[in-house]
């Protein structure tokens, strides 16, 4: 078994998300190509040399931190080496980035140029604070219109949560789900209509893959081997870029920016940070409070305060008036 097969097994054993797996693979491969020696001969000094090389190549602090986390995982779970004896460099300090938050007026303009199901998806990104991957993988049974909630399963960090369903989106969402049900019926009529299920649910519940409640709310046009897949993040981002350009907005606005807008505008409206933390699925309140700091920049400048009217000295003095 080669090194990368061992790495794959270790990642599976730790139940890591796909994005984390891809990230660790990427950094392990880069390190392997730089050091140019078998994994069994890797040492802490090699990791130090690679991080210094990354700094010379102007890699960001975030990327260098990801690389160090990936290599620490390799030494701990694949090579089974004691980290205390490897003399690894300290974790790079990551600078806090500034959040780009579009105004509500800018968001109105963007939504006017979105069409089809992407417009509804963007509405949930902003109105419910979802991640784009979460809205793409939302299933029919996870939309509860009576309780005004959305159920999010296996979000970032494999956490599940309830979040709010905006009342204003209910009519459009009802029409969309009716259309979705007709599409599913047509798929079933063609001998298709299957959907991929998490884990071993398809084994446990034989009929579940063809049931409407398990179908993705926002389907793809792609059907392979009878399975209808969900819309992709790229399809949402592509139409978002087009809408932003049509509005003449020069800010960098992505689908994830709408989630930032949810947090910031909710705080501006007086929502409790703890509640926003739960709705967003943040593990730490500090992460949520970043949006409060972004809102704090909306204070006043002394240039915006009108100066007091200049009064000439002694103009109102009683003796001057008699003169």
Protein backbone atom coordinates (compact mmCIF):
# COMPACT_ATOMS: atom_id res chain seq x y z
CA UNK A 1 0.00 0.00 0.00
CA UNK A 2 1.55 3.31 -1.08
CA UNK A 3 1.57 6.55 0.90
CA UNK A 4 -1.48 8.13 -0.73
CA UNK A 5 -3.59 5.00 -0.19
CA UNK A 6 -2.64 5.12 3.50
CA UNK A 7 -3.55 8.82 3.57
CA UNK A 8 -6.93 8.06 2.00
CA UNK A 9 -7.64 5.35 4.59
CA UNK A 10 -6.66 7.69 7.44
CA UNK A 11 -8.98 10.42 6.14
CA UNK A 12 -11.86 7.95 5.85
CA UNK A 13 -11.19 6.72 9.39
CA UNK A 14 -11.44 10.31 10.69
CA UNK A 15 -14.73 10.92 8.77
CA UNK A 16 -13.44 14.09 7.15
CA UNK A 17 -15.40 16.17 4.68
CA UNK A 18 -14.63 15.93 0.97
CA UNK A 19 -13.20 19.46 0.85
CA UNK A 20 -10.82 18.65 3.70
CA UNK A 21 -9.79 15.44 1.98
CA UNK A 22 -9.03 17.28 -1.27
CA UNK A 23 -7.11 19.97 0.62
CA UNK A 24 -4.94 17.46 2.52
CA UNK A 25 -4.26 15.49 -0.67
CA UNK A 26 -3.18 18.66 -2.46
CA UNK A 27 -0.76 19.77 0.26
CA UNK A 28 0.67 16.29 0.79
CA UNK A 29 1.35 16.00 -2.96
CA UNK A 30 3.02 19.41 -3.10
CA UNK A 31 5.21 18.53 -0.13
CA UNK A 32 6.07 15.14 -1.64
CA UNK A 33 7.21 16.77 -4.89
CA UNK A 34 9.27 19.41 -3.06
CA UNK A 35 11.08 17.09 -0.63
CA UNK A 36 11.62 14.37 -3.26
CA UNK A 37 12.22 11.51 -0.83
CA UNK A 38 10.10 8.63 0.51
CA UNK A 39 7.46 9.47 3.12
CA UNK A 40 9.16 7.20 5.67
CA UNK A 41 12.16 9.55 5.66
CA UNK A 42 10.21 12.76 6.23
CA UNK A 43 11.24 14.80 9.25
CA UNK A 44 10.16 17.96 10.98
CA UNK A 45 13.00 19.92 9.38
CA UNK A 46 11.56 19.04 5.96
CA UNK A 47 8.23 20.57 6.97
CA UNK A 48 10.03 23.70 8.16
CA UNK A 49 11.89 23.99 4.83
CA UNK A 50 8.65 23.62 2.87
CA UNK A 51 6.84 26.30 4.87
CA UNK A 52 9.76 28.67 4.38
CA UNK A 53 9.64 27.91 0.65
CA UNK A 54 5.91 28.62 0.62
CA UNK A 55 6.56 31.98 2.25
CA UNK A 56 9.20 32.77 -0.36
CA UNK A 57 6.67 31.90 -3.06
CA UNK A 58 4.23 34.39 -1.45
CA UNK A 59 1.62 31.82 -0.38
CA UNK A 60 -0.96 33.36 1.91
CA UNK A 61 -0.95 32.74 5.65
CA UNK A 62 -4.19 30.78 5.31
CA UNK A 63 -2.64 28.43 2.74
CA UNK A 64 0.48 27.92 4.85
CA UNK A 65 -1.70 27.11 7.86
CA UNK A 66 -3.66 24.58 5.79
CA UNK A 67 -0.41 22.99 4.64
CA UNK A 68 0.88 22.67 8.20
CA UNK A 69 -2.42 21.16 9.39
CA UNK A 70 -2.32 18.67 6.52
CA UNK A 71 1.27 17.64 7.26
CA UNK A 72 0.60 17.34 10.99
CA UNK A 73 -2.25 15.00 10.11
CA UNK A 74 0.10 12.98 7.91
CA UNK A 75 2.70 12.61 10.66
CA UNK A 76 0.10 11.81 13.31
CA UNK A 77 -2.25 9.45 11.45
CA UNK A 78 -0.24 8.04 8.53
CA UNK A 79 3.42 7.97 9.54
CA UNK A 80 2.58 7.43 13.24
CA UNK A 81 5.41 9.67 14.39
CA UNK A 82 5.52 11.63 17.63
CA UNK A 83 4.97 15.30 16.81
CA UNK A 84 6.82 16.35 19.95
CA UNK A 85 10.09 15.10 18.48
CA UNK A 86 9.71 16.61 15.01
CA UNK A 87 10.51 20.27 15.83
CA UNK A 88 7.71 21.56 13.61
CA UNK A 89 7.45 25.34 13.09
CA UNK A 90 4.70 27.30 14.88
CA UNK A 91 1.34 27.76 13.25
CA UNK A 92 1.28 30.89 11.06
CA UNK A 93 -0.87 33.68 12.49
CA UNK A 94 -3.74 34.31 10.09
CA UNK A 95 -4.80 37.91 9.60
CA UNK A 96 -8.49 38.67 9.93
CA UNK A 97 -9.98 39.44 6.54
CA UNK A 98 -12.58 42.15 5.96
CA UNK A 99 -16.07 41.06 4.98
CA UNK A 100 -17.55 42.61 1.85
CA UNK A 101 -21.21 43.22 2.61
CA UNK A 102 -23.47 44.58 -0.17
CA UNK A 103 -26.18 47.02 0.82
CA UNK A 104 -29.83 46.02 0.71
CA UNK A 105 -30.29 48.28 -2.32
CA UNK A 106 -27.47 46.48 -4.14
CA UNK A 107 -29.01 43.12 -3.26
CA UNK A 108 -32.36 44.22 -4.70
CA UNK A 109 -30.62 45.03 -7.98
CA UNK A 110 -28.83 41.67 -8.03
CA UNK A 111 -32.03 39.71 -7.38
CA UNK A 112 -33.79 41.53 -10.22
CA UNK A 113 -31.28 40.04 -12.67
CA UNK A 114 -31.47 36.47 -11.32
CA UNK A 115 -33.88 34.07 -12.99
CA UNK A 116 -35.27 30.56 -12.57
CA UNK A 117 -34.44 28.42 -9.60
CA UNK A 118 -31.15 30.28 -9.03
CA UNK A 119 -33.17 33.31 -7.91
CA UNK A 120 -34.95 31.19 -5.30
CA UNK A 121 -31.67 29.59 -4.24
CA UNK A 122 -30.12 33.04 -3.78
CA UNK A 123 -33.15 34.02 -1.73
CA UNK A 124 -32.43 31.17 0.68
CA UNK A 125 -28.72 32.01 0.80
CA UNK A 126 -29.58 35.54 1.94
CA UNK A 127 -32.86 34.95 3.73
CA UNK A 128 -31.85 31.83 5.67
CA UNK A 129 -28.07 32.24 5.87
CA UNK A 130 -27.33 28.97 4.07
CA UNK A 131 -24.04 27.96 2.55
CA UNK A 132 -24.23 27.36 -1.20
CA UNK A 133 -23.47 23.66 -0.73
CA UNK A 134 -26.33 23.41 1.77
CA UNK A 135 -28.90 24.99 -0.52
CA UNK A 136 -27.77 22.79 -3.43
CA UNK A 137 -28.23 19.62 -1.36
CA UNK A 138 -31.49 20.64 0.33
CA UNK A 139 -34.09 17.86 0.11
CA UNK A 140 -37.86 18.18 -0.23
CA UNK A 141 -38.61 16.74 3.22
CA UNK A 142 -36.28 19.27 4.87
CA UNK A 143 -38.54 22.21 3.97
CA UNK A 144 -41.15 22.76 6.69
CA UNK A 145 -43.45 25.58 5.61
CA UNK A 146 -45.76 25.31 8.60
CA UNK A 147 -42.94 25.60 11.13
CA UNK A 148 -41.10 28.11 8.86
CA UNK A 149 -37.88 26.14 9.22
CA UNK A 150 -35.28 24.43 7.07
CA UNK A 151 -33.45 21.35 8.29
CA UNK A 152 -29.77 21.26 7.36
CA UNK A 153 -28.06 17.86 7.63
CA UNK A 154 -24.31 17.30 7.56
CA UNK A 155 -23.36 20.95 7.18
CA UNK A 156 -19.81 22.18 7.62
CA UNK A 157 -18.06 20.03 10.21
CA UNK A 158 -20.82 17.40 9.80
CA UNK A 159 -23.12 19.47 12.03
CA UNK A 160 -26.90 19.59 11.59
CA UNK A 161 -29.16 22.51 12.51
CA UNK A 162 -32.50 24.25 12.05
CA UNK A 163 -32.64 27.62 10.38
CA UNK A 164 -35.38 30.06 9.45
CA UNK A 165 -37.52 29.86 6.31
CA UNK A 166 -38.33 33.42 5.13
CA UNK A 167 -42.09 33.97 4.90
CA UNK A 168 -41.69 36.10 1.78
CA UNK A 169 -40.26 33.12 -0.14
CA UNK A 170 -43.08 30.68 0.67
CA UNK A 171 -45.31 31.40 -2.40
CA UNK A 172 -42.39 31.02 -4.82
CA UNK A 173 -41.13 27.94 -2.98
CA UNK A 174 -44.58 26.32 -3.08
CA UNK A 175 -44.78 26.83 -6.85
CA UNK A 176 -41.26 25.48 -7.25
CA UNK A 177 -42.02 22.34 -5.22
CA UNK A 178 -45.14 21.71 -7.30
CA UNK A 179 -43.02 21.91 -10.44
CA UNK A 180 -40.42 19.69 -8.77
CA UNK A 181 -43.08 17.05 -8.00
CA UNK A 182 -44.20 17.01 -11.65
CA UNK A 183 -40.59 16.64 -12.82
CA UNK A 184 -40.11 13.71 -10.45
CA UNK A 185 -43.30 12.04 -11.69
CA UNK A 186 -42.04 12.35 -15.27
CA UNK A 187 -38.66 10.89 -14.26
CA UNK A 188 -40.38 7.93 -12.59
CA UNK A 189 -42.55 7.44 -15.69
CA UNK A 190 -39.38 7.06 -17.75
CA UNK A 191 -38.00 4.47 -15.34
CA UNK A 192 -35.67 6.99 -13.67
CA UNK A 193 -36.39 9.29 -10.69
CA UNK A 194 -33.68 7.94 -8.38
CA UNK A 195 -31.61 10.07 -6.02
CA UNK A 196 -28.38 9.45 -4.15
CA UNK A 197 -28.87 8.95 -0.41
CA UNK A 198 -26.35 9.54 2.40
CA UNK A 199 -24.63 6.62 4.06
CA UNK A 200 -26.42 3.26 3.78
CA UNK A 201 -29.97 4.61 3.76
CA UNK A 202 -30.52 3.23 0.26
CA UNK A 203 -29.69 -0.22 1.60
CA UNK A 204 -31.88 0.16 4.68
CA UNK A 205 -34.86 1.70 2.85
CA UNK A 206 -35.15 0.09 -0.58
CA UNK A 207 -37.82 2.45 -1.94
CA UNK A 208 -36.37 5.68 -0.54
CA UNK A 209 -34.22 6.60 -3.60
CA UNK A 210 -37.37 6.93 -5.74
CA UNK A 211 -39.52 8.77 -3.17
CA UNK A 212 -40.28 12.47 -3.68
CA UNK A 213 -39.41 13.43 -0.11
CA UNK A 214 -35.76 12.42 -0.64
CA UNK A 215 -35.37 14.32 -3.92
CA UNK A 216 -33.23 17.44 -4.08
CA UNK A 217 -35.28 20.65 -4.00
CA UNK A 218 -33.09 22.24 -6.66
CA UNK A 219 -32.38 19.61 -9.31
CA UNK A 220 -29.79 19.51 -12.02
CA UNK A 221 -30.68 18.94 -15.65
CA UNK A 222 -28.25 16.02 -15.50
CA UNK A 223 -29.62 12.48 -15.16
CA UNK A 224 -27.13 9.59 -15.09
CA UNK A 225 -28.07 5.93 -14.75
CA UNK A 226 -31.55 6.94 -13.61
CA UNK A 227 -30.26 9.31 -10.90
CA UNK A 228 -31.17 13.01 -10.94
CA UNK A 229 -28.47 15.13 -9.31
CA UNK A 230 -28.67 18.46 -7.54
CA UNK A 231 -27.80 21.88 -8.91
CA UNK A 232 -24.15 22.84 -8.53
CA UNK A 233 -22.50 25.75 -6.76
CA UNK A 234 -20.88 26.71 -10.07
CA UNK A 235 -24.27 27.22 -11.73
CA UNK A 236 -25.31 29.61 -8.94
CA UNK A 237 -21.99 31.47 -9.02
CA UNK A 238 -22.11 31.89 -12.80
CA UNK A 239 -25.51 33.58 -12.78
CA UNK A 240 -24.51 35.65 -9.74
CA UNK A 241 -21.46 37.01 -11.57
CA UNK A 242 -23.63 37.97 -14.52
CA UNK A 243 -26.19 39.71 -12.29
CA UNK A 244 -23.51 41.64 -10.40
CA UNK A 245 -21.99 42.84 -13.67
CA UNK A 246 -25.37 43.94 -14.99
CA UNK A 247 -25.89 46.01 -11.84
CA UNK A 248 -22.53 47.73 -12.28
CA UNK A 249 -21.43 46.67 -8.78
CA UNK A 250 -17.65 46.66 -8.39
CA UNK A 251 -17.66 44.85 -5.03
CA UNK A 252 -16.77 41.18 -5.08
CA UNK A 253 -20.14 39.54 -4.52
CA UNK A 254 -20.34 35.73 -4.54
CA UNK A 255 -23.05 33.30 -3.39
CA UNK A 256 -21.29 33.08 -0.01
CA UNK A 257 -21.47 36.88 0.28
CA UNK A 258 -25.25 36.51 0.61
CA UNK A 259 -24.71 34.45 3.78
CA UNK A 260 -22.51 37.27 5.10
CA UNK A 261 -25.28 39.70 4.26
CA UNK A 262 -27.78 37.61 6.27
CA UNK A 263 -25.61 37.86 9.40
CA UNK A 264 -24.77 41.55 9.09
CA UNK A 265 -28.25 42.77 8.20
CA UNK A 266 -29.82 40.59 10.92
CA UNK A 267 -27.53 42.25 13.48
CA UNK A 268 -28.42 45.66 12.13
CA UNK A 269 -32.06 44.76 12.68
CA UNK A 270 -31.32 43.98 16.34
CA UNK A 271 -31.20 40.18 16.26
CA UNK A 272 -29.42 38.46 19.14
CA UNK A 273 -25.89 37.27 18.18
CA UNK A 274 -26.49 33.92 19.89
CA UNK A 275 -29.55 33.32 17.76
CA UNK A 276 -27.64 34.25 14.61
CA UNK A 277 -24.85 31.87 15.68
CA UNK A 278 -27.34 29.00 15.89
CA UNK A 279 -28.97 29.84 12.56
CA UNK A 280 -25.62 30.05 10.79
CA UNK A 281 -24.26 26.92 12.44
CA UNK A 282 -21.13 28.60 13.81
CA UNK A 283 -19.26 26.61 16.41
CA UNK A 284 -17.90 29.72 18.10
CA UNK A 285 -19.64 33.00 18.90
CA UNK A 286 -16.41 34.79 17.96
CA UNK A 287 -16.98 33.78 14.34
CA UNK A 288 -20.44 35.31 14.42
CA UNK A 289 -19.21 38.50 16.09
CA UNK A 290 -17.04 39.22 13.05
CA UNK A 291 -20.20 40.48 11.39
CA UNK A 292 -20.88 42.78 14.32
CA UNK A 293 -17.43 44.29 13.82
CA UNK A 294 -18.23 44.75 10.13
CA UNK A 295 -21.40 46.61 11.12
CA UNK A 296 -19.49 48.77 13.62
CA UNK A 297 -17.69 50.41 10.70
CA UNK A 298 -21.00 52.08 9.89
CA UNK A 299 -20.37 54.72 12.56
CA UNK A 300 -20.01 58.41 11.92
CA UNK A 301 -17.11 60.46 10.69
CA UNK A 302 -16.39 63.91 12.13
CA UNK A 303 -16.49 65.19 8.54
CA UNK A 304 -20.17 64.24 8.39
CA UNK A 305 -21.02 66.36 11.45
CA UNK A 306 -21.96 69.94 10.41
CA UNK A 307 -19.67 72.51 12.05
CA UNK A 308 -21.20 75.05 14.44
CA UNK A 309 -22.09 78.44 12.90
CA UNK A 310 -19.16 80.82 13.25
CA UNK A 311 -20.01 83.84 15.41
CA UNK A 312 -17.87 86.96 15.32
CA UNK A 313 -16.50 87.90 18.76
CA UNK A 314 -18.40 90.51 20.76
CA UNK A 315 -21.14 90.85 18.12
CA UNK A 316 -23.82 90.27 20.73
CA UNK A 317 -22.12 92.26 23.45
CA UNK A 318 -24.60 94.82 24.96
CA UNK A 319 -22.14 97.74 24.78
CA UNK A 320 -21.55 97.16 21.06
CA UNK A 321 -25.31 97.19 20.43
CA UNK A 322 -25.64 100.62 22.16
CA UNK A 323 -22.76 102.00 20.10
